[in-house]
Amino acid sequence: MTAAAPKRMHLAAHFPGVNNTTVWSDPRSRSQIEFSSFEHLARTAERGLFDFFFLAEGLRLREHKGLIHDLDVVGRPESLTVLSALAAVTERIGLAATVNTTFNEPYELARRFATLDHLSAGRAAWNAVTSSDAFTGENFRRGGYLDRSERYTRAAEFVATARELWDSWTPEGAPRPVAHRGRHFTVEGEFTVPRSPQGHPVVIQAGDSPEGRDFAASAADIVFTRHGTLEAGRAFYADVKGRLAAHGREPDELKVMPGVTFVLGDTDAEAEERAVAIRRRQVSPQNAIAALEQVWGRDLSGYDPDGPLPPSDPDPGAELVRGRVRQGDPLAVAARWRALSREKGLSIRQTVIEATGRQSFIGSPATVAAQLTEYVAAGAADGFILVPHLTPGGLDDFVDLVVPLLQERGVFRRAYTGSTLRSHLGLAEPVWKG
């Protein structure tokens, strides 16, 4: 008997624009706005045969204690515009934009994604995110109107309405009227864009709440998760895949791709040393206090970053930080941080470094290739969205050193076999529902 072929993995690249993984002080760090930065990272990912290139979204500059947050001072360009330009300088890699379902309308957004799918010959993807943030909503006519409990209800109808619009043209090229009347949207008329090369652009979803997981199981092609450890990844993977049957879907119809970082070195020891240095540059003493204030909800500038955590509890209702997504209940986060600090004898800065680090794969290229392979083989992921710590050259070494080893292991493609993002992901074109 022959051994079963190893499971193939999917890879994507996240442009590290405004997040706490970026090492701004590194002299190799370049612009977050200039097109050359987007082009370099996207073309590097395509050279590495990645499935797609992924952009985040920011609808308002975040604030910390009434001032623009340090990570937002460079600004946040609009994703679909950038990806439309990238479609002209790339050939095969998918192009994924994060666009909010709370502060947009299905008709207009469906047009924009269908247009990108045509311009790119079938490479468009939409990371559909939600928001109930009144601070962000102040930039919009209906700012802050949406109750938090409604955000996934609106999102589900938004995606369903977009799909009705994408299906309103027949495969032969004839438009048909659309008549949608729902709780959140009413759309009547004819869609202006013919059916695109993929039928529907690929849909990505990033929510982790029970509602978010159900939304992913019902409507998404990819789920972007923060569950990076092997144990947490396997639990999330099993949970989300287990929800698919209730929606008449098969396990392979949804790809689970956690966002992860990586640090490479000639040896494992060198990589570990680099990783420590990178995390210390990402979490300066000032950044450590800012991270603490984001959880505790009050001014903690008097605390020593090398001292212990505050003994008092956070203020869950505080608005010291605005426009930044909270990662869980502040009281629960504080409890976890205190337990970690007590267990390992960590200072504020050390606690923040350890508690806020996204799952990293650290080691020589061979070690990292083995770690990635293990996660996929163990059922913790179908692939990974890599978040490098440098813009725009942070992916270069991974493509040059790790990808060939993954190919040797038989877990990653040696060439693109199709032209669309759906073909890269092994997803069938949606059945036309005219």
Protein backbone atom coordinates (compact mmCIF):
# COMPACT_ATOMS: atom_id res chain seq x y z
CA MET A 1 0.00 0.00 0.00
CA THR A 2 1.17 3.51 -0.78
CA ALA A 3 1.14 6.21 1.88
CA ALA A 4 -1.56 8.85 1.60
CA ALA A 5 -0.46 12.11 0.00
CA PRO A 6 0.20 14.89 2.55
CA LYS A 7 -2.46 17.52 2.90
CA ARG A 8 -1.73 20.63 0.83
CA MET A 9 -1.65 23.98 2.61
CA HIS A 10 -2.81 27.41 1.50
CA LEU A 11 -0.76 30.56 2.06
CA ALA A 12 -1.71 34.23 1.96
CA ALA A 13 0.14 37.47 2.70
CA HIS A 14 -1.23 40.23 4.93
CA PHE A 15 0.15 43.72 4.27
CA PRO A 16 1.27 44.90 7.75
CA GLY A 17 0.01 48.43 7.45
CA VAL A 18 -1.24 49.66 10.82
CA ASN A 19 -0.79 46.97 13.43
CA ASN A 20 1.40 46.14 16.36
CA THR A 21 3.39 43.47 14.50
CA THR A 22 5.29 46.07 12.47
CA VAL A 23 8.75 47.14 13.60
CA TRP A 24 8.66 50.80 12.63
CA SER A 25 12.17 51.56 13.90
CA ASP A 26 13.88 49.08 11.57
CA PRO A 27 15.79 50.99 8.85
CA ARG A 28 14.40 48.54 6.28
CA SER A 29 10.83 49.62 7.07
CA ARG A 30 9.32 51.69 4.26
CA SER A 31 6.10 53.58 3.46
CA GLN A 32 2.65 52.21 4.34
CA ILE A 33 1.08 54.43 1.67
CA GLU A 34 3.30 54.42 -1.42
CA PHE A 35 2.18 52.04 -4.14
CA SER A 36 5.68 50.59 -4.42
CA SER A 37 5.29 49.01 -0.96
CA PHE A 38 2.04 47.27 -1.88
CA GLU A 39 3.50 46.18 -5.21
CA HIS A 40 6.66 44.71 -3.67
CA LEU A 41 4.82 42.59 -1.10
CA ALA A 42 2.15 41.44 -3.56
CA ARG A 43 4.66 40.47 -6.23
CA THR A 44 6.80 38.68 -3.66
CA ALA A 45 3.76 36.69 -2.52
CA GLU A 46 2.94 35.85 -6.14
CA ARG A 47 6.53 34.74 -6.74
CA GLY A 48 5.99 32.43 -3.76
CA LEU A 49 2.78 31.07 -5.38
CA PHE A 50 0.59 32.32 -2.52
CA ASP A 51 -3.18 32.08 -2.82
CA PHE A 52 -3.93 35.72 -2.10
CA PHE A 53 -2.71 39.13 -0.92
CA PHE A 54 -4.78 40.59 1.93
CA LEU A 55 -5.47 44.19 3.00
CA ALA A 56 -7.11 45.35 6.22
CA GLU A 57 -9.44 48.33 6.58
CA GLY A 58 -9.64 51.39 8.80
CA LEU A 59 -12.67 53.67 8.57
CA ARG A 60 -11.48 56.06 11.26
CA LEU A 61 -8.13 56.85 12.85
CA ARG A 62 -7.99 55.31 16.30
CA GLU A 63 -7.51 57.48 19.38
CA HIS A 64 -5.74 56.92 22.67
CA LYS A 65 -6.41 59.39 25.48
CA GLY A 66 -7.83 61.86 22.96
CA LEU A 67 -4.84 61.70 20.62
CA ILE A 68 -4.41 59.86 17.32
CA HIS A 69 -3.00 56.41 18.08
CA ASP A 70 0.69 56.10 17.15
CA LEU A 71 0.03 53.27 14.72
CA ASP A 72 -2.44 55.37 12.71
CA VAL A 73 -0.34 58.46 12.08
CA VAL A 74 0.64 57.20 8.62
CA GLY A 75 -3.01 56.95 7.52
CA ARG A 76 -5.10 54.16 6.04
CA PRO A 77 -5.66 54.02 2.25
CA GLU A 78 -8.79 52.49 0.73
CA SER A 79 -8.26 48.80 -0.07
CA LEU A 80 -10.23 48.29 -3.29
CA THR A 81 -8.43 51.17 -4.98
CA VAL A 82 -5.05 49.68 -4.07
CA LEU A 83 -6.07 46.20 -5.24
CA SER A 84 -7.39 47.52 -8.55
CA ALA A 85 -3.94 48.97 -9.19
CA LEU A 86 -2.27 45.72 -8.11
CA ALA A 87 -4.42 43.79 -10.60
CA ALA A 88 -2.40 45.48 -13.36
CA VAL A 89 1.03 44.43 -12.01
CA THR A 90 0.20 40.85 -10.92
CA GLU A 91 -1.14 37.89 -12.88
CA ARG A 92 -2.31 35.03 -10.66
CA ILE A 93 -2.40 35.95 -6.97
CA GLY A 94 -5.80 36.63 -5.39
CA LEU A 95 -6.58 40.16 -4.20
CA ALA A 96 -8.53 40.39 -0.92
CA ALA A 97 -10.01 43.58 0.56
CA THR A 98 -11.54 44.05 4.00
CA VAL A 99 -14.76 46.06 3.64
CA ASN A 100 -17.33 46.74 6.35
CA THR A 101 -20.94 45.55 6.06
CA THR A 102 -22.19 48.08 8.61
CA PHE A 103 -21.22 51.29 6.82
CA ASN A 104 -21.71 50.29 3.17
CA GLU A 105 -24.58 49.24 0.90
CA PRO A 106 -24.87 45.89 -0.92
CA TYR A 107 -25.54 47.30 -4.39
CA GLU A 108 -22.52 49.60 -4.49
CA LEU A 109 -20.14 47.13 -2.85
CA ALA A 110 -21.28 44.25 -5.08
CA ARG A 111 -20.50 46.46 -8.11
CA ARG A 112 -17.01 47.28 -6.83
CA PHE A 113 -16.08 43.66 -6.09
CA ALA A 114 -17.56 42.38 -9.37
CA THR A 115 -15.55 45.06 -11.18
CA LEU A 116 -12.34 44.00 -9.42
CA ASP A 117 -13.08 40.39 -10.32
CA HIS A 118 -13.37 41.38 -14.00
CA LEU A 119 -10.26 43.60 -13.93
CA SER A 120 -8.20 40.84 -12.30
CA ALA A 121 -9.63 37.97 -14.40
CA GLY A 122 -11.18 36.26 -11.40
CA ARG A 123 -8.95 37.04 -8.42
CA ALA A 124 -11.17 39.17 -6.14
CA ALA A 125 -11.97 38.38 -2.51
CA TRP A 126 -13.98 40.23 0.13
CA ASN A 127 -13.24 40.02 3.84
CA ALA A 128 -16.71 40.91 5.17
CA VAL A 129 -16.38 42.49 8.62
CA THR A 130 -18.93 44.00 10.98
CA SER A 131 -18.99 46.91 13.39
CA SER A 132 -21.31 48.39 15.99
CA ASP A 133 -18.79 51.07 16.91
CA ALA A 134 -20.43 54.49 17.30
CA PHE A 135 -17.00 56.16 17.23
CA THR A 136 -16.34 54.83 13.73
CA GLY A 137 -19.95 55.51 12.81
CA GLU A 138 -19.51 59.24 13.41
CA ASN A 139 -17.90 59.35 9.95
CA PHE A 140 -21.17 58.12 8.41
CA ARG A 141 -24.71 59.40 8.06
CA ARG A 142 -26.15 56.68 10.29
CA GLY A 143 -23.30 56.73 12.76
CA GLY A 144 -23.70 54.48 15.76
CA TYR A 145 -27.24 53.42 14.94
CA LEU A 146 -26.62 49.67 14.79
CA ASP A 147 -27.12 47.66 17.95
CA ARG A 148 -24.31 45.18 18.53
CA SER A 149 -26.74 42.25 18.47
CA GLU A 150 -27.79 43.24 14.94
CA ARG A 151 -24.37 43.34 13.31
CA TYR A 152 -24.32 39.75 12.07
CA THR A 153 -27.99 39.85 11.09
CA ARG A 154 -27.19 42.80 8.84
CA ALA A 155 -23.97 41.16 7.60
CA ALA A 156 -25.73 37.94 6.63
CA GLU A 157 -28.39 39.84 4.69
CA PHE A 158 -25.69 42.06 3.15
CA VAL A 159 -23.71 39.09 1.78
CA ALA A 160 -26.88 37.31 0.63
CA THR A 161 -28.04 40.46 -1.18
CA ALA A 162 -24.65 40.88 -2.86
CA ARG A 163 -24.90 37.29 -4.09
CA GLU A 164 -28.39 37.95 -5.47
CA LEU A 165 -26.89 40.85 -7.42
CA TRP A 166 -23.96 38.77 -8.69
CA ASP A 167 -26.45 36.11 -9.80
CA SER A 168 -28.77 38.58 -11.53
CA TRP A 169 -26.91 38.26 -14.82
CA THR A 170 -27.20 34.88 -16.54
CA PRO A 171 -24.00 32.99 -17.43
CA GLU A 172 -24.85 33.81 -21.06
CA GLY A 173 -24.69 37.55 -20.31
CA ALA A 174 -28.31 38.67 -19.95
CA PRO A 175 -29.31 40.98 -17.07
CA ARG A 176 -32.37 40.22 -14.96
CA PRO A 177 -34.22 42.53 -12.55
CA VAL A 178 -33.40 42.32 -8.85
CA ALA A 179 -36.17 42.59 -6.26
CA HIS A 180 -34.84 42.25 -2.72
CA ARG A 181 -36.89 43.33 0.28
CA GLY A 182 -35.40 42.44 3.64
CA ARG A 183 -35.01 43.68 7.17
CA HIS A 184 -32.03 45.89 6.38
CA PHE A 185 -32.03 46.40 2.60
CA THR A 186 -34.41 47.01 -0.28
CA VAL A 187 -32.90 46.71 -3.76
CA GLU A 188 -34.96 46.96 -6.94
CA GLY A 189 -33.65 47.40 -10.48
CA GLU A 190 -30.92 45.90 -12.61
CA PHE A 191 -27.31 45.27 -11.64
CA THR A 192 -24.84 47.02 -13.93
CA VAL A 193 -22.00 44.47 -13.98
CA PRO A 194 -22.17 41.14 -15.88
CA ARG A 195 -21.45 37.90 -14.05
CA SER A 196 -17.76 37.94 -13.15
CA PRO A 197 -15.13 35.27 -13.87
CA GLN A 198 -15.51 33.57 -10.46
CA GLY A 199 -19.30 33.84 -10.44
CA HIS A 200 -18.99 35.31 -6.95
CA PRO A 201 -15.81 36.85 -5.50
CA VAL A 202 -14.43 34.72 -2.66
CA VAL A 203 -15.88 35.70 0.74
CA ILE A 204 -13.68 35.80 3.86
CA GLN A 205 -14.94 36.23 7.43
CA ALA A 206 -12.98 37.02 10.58
CA GLY A 207 -15.42 36.89 13.52
CA ASP A 208 -14.73 34.58 16.46
CA SER A 209 -17.92 34.91 18.54
CA PRO A 210 -20.53 32.13 18.29
CA GLU A 211 -22.48 34.40 15.92
CA GLY A 212 -19.34 35.01 13.88
CA ARG A 213 -18.61 31.30 13.61
CA ASP A 214 -22.15 30.60 12.44
CA PHE A 215 -21.88 33.41 9.90
CA ALA A 216 -18.63 31.90 8.58
CA ALA A 217 -20.18 28.44 8.38
CA SER A 218 -23.20 29.72 6.49
CA ALA A 219 -21.67 32.31 4.16
CA ALA A 220 -17.85 32.33 3.98
CA ASP A 221 -15.29 30.55 1.81
CA ILE A 222 -12.40 31.37 4.18
CA VAL A 223 -12.39 32.10 7.91
CA PHE A 224 -9.53 34.29 9.19
CA THR A 225 -8.82 33.42 12.82
CA ARG A 226 -6.42 34.43 15.58
CA HIS A 227 -6.31 30.91 17.03
CA GLY A 228 -2.65 30.21 16.40
CA THR A 229 -1.62 27.62 19.00
CA LEU A 230 -1.99 23.99 18.01
CA GLU A 231 -4.54 23.17 20.71
CA ALA A 232 -6.68 26.27 20.22
CA GLY A 233 -6.42 25.91 16.46
CA ARG A 234 -7.66 22.33 16.50
CA ALA A 235 -10.60 23.26 18.73
CA PHE A 236 -11.59 26.19 16.51
CA TYR A 237 -11.11 24.15 13.34
CA ALA A 238 -13.32 21.32 14.61
CA ASP A 239 -16.00 23.73 15.85
CA VAL A 240 -16.30 25.75 12.64
CA LYS A 241 -16.09 22.74 10.34
CA GLY A 242 -18.69 21.01 12.50
CA ARG A 243 -21.16 23.85 11.88
CA LEU A 244 -21.09 23.48 8.09
CA ALA A 245 -23.45 20.51 7.82
CA ALA A 246 -26.32 22.52 9.33
CA HIS A 247 -26.00 24.84 6.33
CA GLY A 248 -25.81 22.05 3.76
CA ARG A 249 -22.07 22.47 3.22
CA GLU A 250 -19.09 20.11 3.11
CA PRO A 251 -15.93 20.59 5.23
CA ASP A 252 -13.74 21.48 2.24
CA GLU A 253 -16.05 24.36 1.28
CA LEU A 254 -14.61 26.53 4.10
CA LYS A 255 -10.87 27.08 4.53
CA VAL A 256 -9.57 27.90 8.03
CA MET A 257 -6.55 30.24 7.83
CA PRO A 258 -5.14 31.77 11.04
CA GLY A 259 -3.12 34.97 10.89
CA VAL A 260 0.43 34.19 12.06
CA THR A 261 3.87 35.75 12.27
CA PHE A 262 7.24 34.14 11.67
CA VAL A 263 10.89 34.75 12.46
CA LEU A 264 13.68 32.99 10.57
CA GLY A 265 17.35 32.45 11.38
CA ASP A 266 20.21 30.28 10.16
CA THR A 267 19.64 28.19 13.29
CA ASP A 268 16.76 27.80 15.73
CA ALA A 269 18.80 29.57 18.42
CA GLU A 270 19.48 32.54 16.15
CA ALA A 271 15.79 32.77 15.23
CA GLU A 272 14.77 32.72 18.91
CA GLU A 273 17.23 35.52 19.64
CA ARG A 274 15.83 37.56 16.74
CA ALA A 275 12.27 36.95 17.89
CA VAL A 276 13.01 38.29 21.38
CA ALA A 277 14.60 41.40 19.89
CA ILE A 278 11.66 41.94 17.52
CA ARG A 279 9.08 41.67 20.29
CA ARG A 280 11.00 44.15 22.46
CA ARG A 281 11.00 46.62 19.55
CA GLN A 282 7.29 46.07 18.95
CA VAL A 283 6.46 46.58 22.65
CA SER A 284 8.48 49.53 23.89
CA PRO A 285 8.01 50.73 27.48
CA GLN A 286 5.56 53.37 26.19
CA ASN A 287 3.69 50.81 24.08
CA ALA A 288 3.43 48.47 27.06
CA ILE A 289 1.69 51.15 29.15
CA ALA A 290 -0.59 52.02 26.22
CA ALA A 291 -1.56 48.36 25.84
CA LEU A 292 -2.27 48.19 29.57
CA GLU A 293 -4.45 51.31 29.37
CA GLN A 294 -6.42 49.77 26.49
CA VAL A 295 -7.43 46.91 28.82
CA TRP A 296 -7.80 48.82 32.10
CA GLY A 297 -9.59 51.79 30.50
CA ARG A 298 -7.85 54.54 32.45
CA ASP A 299 -4.64 56.58 32.57
CA LEU A 300 -1.80 54.39 33.88
CA SER A 301 1.08 56.63 32.81
CA GLY A 302 2.34 56.70 36.40
CA TYR A 303 3.07 52.97 36.38
CA ASP A 304 6.56 51.60 35.82
CA PRO A 305 6.66 49.36 32.70
CA ASP A 306 9.20 47.20 34.54
CA GLY A 307 6.97 46.98 37.61
CA PRO A 308 3.90 44.83 38.47
CA LEU A 309 0.41 45.01 36.97
CA PRO A 310 -2.18 47.29 38.61
CA PRO A 311 -3.90 45.65 41.60
CA SER A 312 -7.29 47.21 40.75
CA ASP A 313 -9.73 45.91 38.14
CA PRO A 314 -10.34 47.49 34.70
CA ASP A 315 -13.23 49.82 33.97
CA PRO A 316 -15.22 47.87 31.33
CA GLY A 317 -17.20 50.92 30.21
CA ALA A 318 -14.32 53.35 29.79
CA GLU A 319 -13.63 55.10 26.49
CA LEU A 320 -9.98 55.96 26.98
CA VAL A 321 -9.31 54.18 23.68
CA ARG A 322 -11.69 54.71 20.78
CA GLY A 323 -11.88 52.96 17.43
CA ARG A 324 -9.83 49.94 18.47
CA VAL A 325 -11.40 46.49 18.63
CA ARG A 326 -11.30 45.07 22.14
CA GLN A 327 -10.05 41.51 22.33
CA GLY A 328 -12.54 40.11 24.80
CA ASP A 329 -13.96 41.26 28.13
CA PRO A 330 -11.49 43.58 29.94
CA LEU A 331 -12.03 41.86 33.30
CA ALA A 332 -11.32 38.46 31.77
CA VAL A 333 -8.27 39.77 29.90
CA ALA A 334 -6.92 41.34 33.10
CA ALA A 335 -7.42 38.07 34.98
CA ARG A 336 -5.47 36.16 32.32
CA TRP A 337 -2.67 38.73 32.37
CA ARG A 338 -2.43 38.62 36.16
CA ALA A 339 -2.28 34.81 36.14
CA LEU A 340 0.45 34.90 33.49
CA SER A 341 2.39 37.54 35.42
CA ARG A 342 2.18 35.58 38.69
CA GLU A 343 3.08 32.27 37.08
CA LYS A 344 6.19 33.57 35.32
CA GLY A 345 7.10 36.53 37.48
CA LEU A 346 6.63 39.04 34.67
CA SER A 347 6.63 42.83 34.71
CA ILE A 348 4.04 44.93 32.86
CA ARG A 349 6.16 45.07 29.71
CA GLN A 350 7.08 41.40 29.85
CA THR A 351 3.43 40.47 30.35
CA VAL A 352 2.29 42.56 27.38
CA ILE A 353 5.04 41.06 25.21
CA GLU A 354 3.99 37.52 26.07
CA ALA A 355 0.22 38.05 26.17
CA THR A 356 -0.22 40.06 22.98
CA GLY A 357 2.10 38.18 20.64
CA ARG A 358 0.27 36.56 17.77
CA GLN A 359 1.28 32.93 17.23
CA SER A 360 4.77 32.94 15.76
CA PHE A 361 6.62 30.21 13.93
CA ILE A 362 10.23 30.66 14.97
CA GLY A 363 13.28 28.77 13.80
CA SER A 364 15.44 27.86 10.86
CA PRO A 365 13.65 27.56 7.50
CA ALA A 366 13.53 23.78 7.96
CA THR A 367 12.03 24.11 11.45
CA VAL A 368 9.38 26.59 10.33
CA ALA A 369 8.47 24.43 7.33
CA ALA A 370 8.04 21.46 9.67
CA GLN A 371 5.92 23.47 12.12
CA LEU A 372 3.57 24.73 9.39
CA THR A 373 3.22 21.22 8.00
CA GLU A 374 2.41 19.82 11.44
CA TYR A 375 -0.39 22.34 12.04
CA VAL A 376 -2.12 21.48 8.78
CA ALA A 377 -1.63 17.72 9.21
CA ALA A 378 -3.01 17.90 12.78
CA GLY A 379 -6.23 19.60 11.72
CA ALA A 380 -5.48 23.01 13.22
CA ALA A 381 -5.59 24.92 9.91
CA ASP A 382 -5.97 24.61 6.16
CA GLY A 383 -3.27 27.21 5.69
CA PHE A 384 -1.97 30.51 7.03
CA ILE A 385 -2.19 34.25 6.47
CA LEU A 386 1.36 35.43 7.09
CA VAL A 387 1.86 38.83 8.74
CA PRO A 388 5.50 39.92 8.32
CA HIS A 389 7.02 42.44 10.72
CA LEU A 390 8.63 44.54 7.98
CA THR A 391 7.05 46.49 5.13
CA PRO A 392 7.51 45.76 2.29
CA GLY A 393 10.39 43.23 2.36
CA GLY A 394 9.34 41.10 5.31
CA LEU A 395 8.13 38.21 3.16
CA ASP A 396 11.27 37.91 0.98
CA ASP A 397 13.16 35.37 3.10
CA PHE A 398 10.07 33.22 3.65
CA VAL A 399 9.49 32.93 -0.10
CA ASP A 400 13.15 32.27 -0.84
CA LEU A 401 13.89 29.86 2.01
CA VAL A 402 10.70 28.25 3.39
CA VAL A 403 8.50 27.83 0.31
CA PRO A 404 11.03 25.53 -1.46
CA LEU A 405 11.11 23.30 1.63
CA LEU A 406 7.30 23.13 1.72
CA GLN A 407 7.37 22.14 -1.95
CA GLU A 408 9.93 19.42 -1.22
CA ARG A 409 7.62 18.07 1.47
CA GLY A 410 4.80 17.91 -1.07
CA VAL A 411 2.54 20.20 0.95
CA PHE A 412 2.62 23.27 -1.29
CA ARG A 413 2.18 23.86 -5.00
CA ARG A 414 5.10 24.17 -7.41
CA ALA A 415 3.05 26.19 -9.89
CA TYR A 416 -0.35 27.79 -10.18
CA THR A 417 -2.66 25.32 -11.94
CA GLY A 418 -5.53 27.74 -12.49
CA SER A 419 -6.06 31.43 -13.07
CA THR A 420 -8.71 32.32 -10.49
CA LEU A 421 -8.56 32.55 -6.70
CA ARG A 422 -11.23 29.87 -6.45
CA SER A 423 -8.98 27.52 -8.41
CA HIS A 424 -6.07 28.22 -6.05
CA LEU A 425 -8.28 27.40 -3.06
CA GLY A 426 -9.90 24.35 -4.62
CA LEU A 427 -13.35 25.95 -4.42
CA ALA A 428 -16.02 25.31 -7.02
CA GLU A 429 -17.67 28.20 -8.81
CA PRO A 430 -21.03 28.94 -7.16
CA VAL A 431 -24.00 27.37 -8.85
CA TRP A 432 -25.94 30.10 -10.65
CA LYS A 433 -29.22 30.87 -8.91
CA GLY A 434 -31.08 32.94 -11.46
